[in-house]
């Protein structure tokens, strides 16, 4: 399944490593070091709007204008749907 990060950006949910709140990024030296170590080509600024969350995936970091809480909820809904789909598929096979 996919998660909409804002603008025209959609990513595969299974590629998400972390969803961080921008405030956490600003206050955490470890997070700042991680993001500064990423090459500019690996950081995607989705919108010129205020960045509210940082989404870390396997191969990129996305700066999203959508709050981390909203993105986590979207990811949770996707996860629950995938679990339900697997459960229905297993029951159909028997």
Protein backbone atom coordinates (compact mmCIF):
# COMPACT_ATOMS: atom_id res chain seq x y z
CA UNK A 1 0.00 0.00 0.00
CA UNK A 2 0.97 3.64 -0.25
CA UNK A 3 1.12 6.73 1.97
CA UNK A 4 0.49 10.23 0.63
CA UNK A 5 3.10 12.63 2.05
CA UNK A 6 1.73 15.82 0.52
CA UNK A 7 1.89 17.49 -2.86
CA UNK A 8 2.30 14.85 -5.54
CA UNK A 9 4.43 12.57 -3.37
CA UNK A 10 3.30 9.04 -2.55
CA UNK A 11 5.58 6.34 -1.14
CA UNK A 12 5.26 2.63 -0.45
CA UNK A 13 4.35 2.05 3.18
CA UNK A 14 6.79 -0.85 3.56
CA UNK A 15 9.71 1.49 2.69
CA UNK A 16 9.08 3.75 5.71
CA UNK A 17 11.73 3.49 8.40
CA UNK A 18 10.65 6.41 10.61
CA UNK A 19 8.24 9.34 10.76
CA UNK A 20 9.65 12.17 12.84
CA UNK A 21 8.07 15.37 14.05
CA UNK A 22 9.91 18.50 12.87
CA UNK A 23 10.11 19.73 16.49
CA UNK A 24 11.98 16.54 17.40
CA UNK A 25 14.36 17.17 14.50
CA UNK A 26 15.02 20.71 15.75
CA UNK A 27 15.69 19.60 19.33
CA UNK A 28 17.61 16.36 18.74
CA UNK A 29 21.30 16.63 17.88
CA UNK A 30 21.40 13.01 16.67
CA UNK A 31 18.56 13.63 14.20
CA UNK A 32 20.21 16.85 12.97
CA UNK A 33 23.50 14.98 12.45
CA UNK A 34 21.73 12.22 10.53
CA UNK A 35 19.94 14.64 8.22
CA UNK A 36 23.04 16.76 7.64
CA UNK A 37 24.95 13.61 6.68
CA UNK A 38 22.45 12.84 3.92
CA UNK A 39 23.41 14.04 0.48
CA UNK A 40 21.16 16.74 -0.99
CA UNK A 41 19.97 14.28 -3.62
CA UNK A 42 18.67 11.99 -0.86
CA UNK A 43 16.54 14.71 0.78
CA UNK A 44 13.28 15.56 -0.98
CA UNK A 45 11.50 18.77 -0.02
CA UNK A 46 7.90 18.04 -0.96
CA UNK A 47 6.58 21.58 -0.69
CA UNK A 48 7.71 25.14 -0.06
CA UNK A 49 5.26 25.15 2.84
CA UNK A 50 6.46 24.81 6.42
CA UNK A 51 7.97 21.37 7.06
CA UNK A 52 5.99 19.61 9.79
CA UNK A 53 7.50 16.13 9.59
CA UNK A 54 10.51 14.20 8.36
CA UNK A 55 9.87 10.81 6.77
CA UNK A 56 12.85 8.49 6.53
CA UNK A 57 12.64 5.69 3.98
CA UNK A 58 15.10 3.07 2.84
CA UNK A 59 16.63 5.31 0.18
CA UNK A 60 15.46 8.90 0.83
CA UNK A 61 14.41 11.44 3.41
CA UNK A 62 11.24 13.44 2.74
CA UNK A 63 10.40 16.81 4.29
CA UNK A 64 6.61 16.83 4.47
CA UNK A 65 4.14 19.67 5.11
CA UNK A 66 1.79 17.14 6.75
CA UNK A 67 2.01 16.60 10.50
CA UNK A 68 3.73 13.49 11.79
CA UNK A 69 0.56 12.50 13.66
CA UNK A 70 -1.48 12.54 10.44
CA UNK A 71 1.18 10.53 8.59
CA UNK A 72 1.35 7.98 11.41
CA UNK A 73 -2.42 7.60 11.30
CA UNK A 74 -2.29 7.06 7.53
CA UNK A 75 0.46 4.48 7.97
CA UNK A 76 -1.55 2.74 10.70
CA UNK A 77 -4.66 2.57 8.53
CA UNK A 78 -2.60 1.12 5.68
CA UNK A 79 -1.06 -1.44 8.05
CA UNK A 80 -4.45 -2.48 9.41
CA UNK A 81 -5.82 -2.81 5.87
CA UNK A 82 -2.86 -4.96 4.82
CA UNK A 83 -3.30 -7.19 7.89
CA UNK A 84 -7.02 -7.53 7.14
CA UNK A 85 -6.34 -8.36 3.48
CA UNK A 86 -3.86 -11.07 4.47
CA UNK A 87 -6.33 -12.52 6.96
CA UNK A 88 -9.14 -12.59 4.37
CA UNK A 89 -6.78 -14.17 1.83
CA UNK A 90 -5.76 -16.91 4.25
CA UNK A 91 -9.39 -17.69 5.07
CA UNK A 92 -10.31 -17.86 1.38
CA UNK A 93 -7.61 -20.47 0.73
CA UNK A 94 -9.02 -22.92 3.28
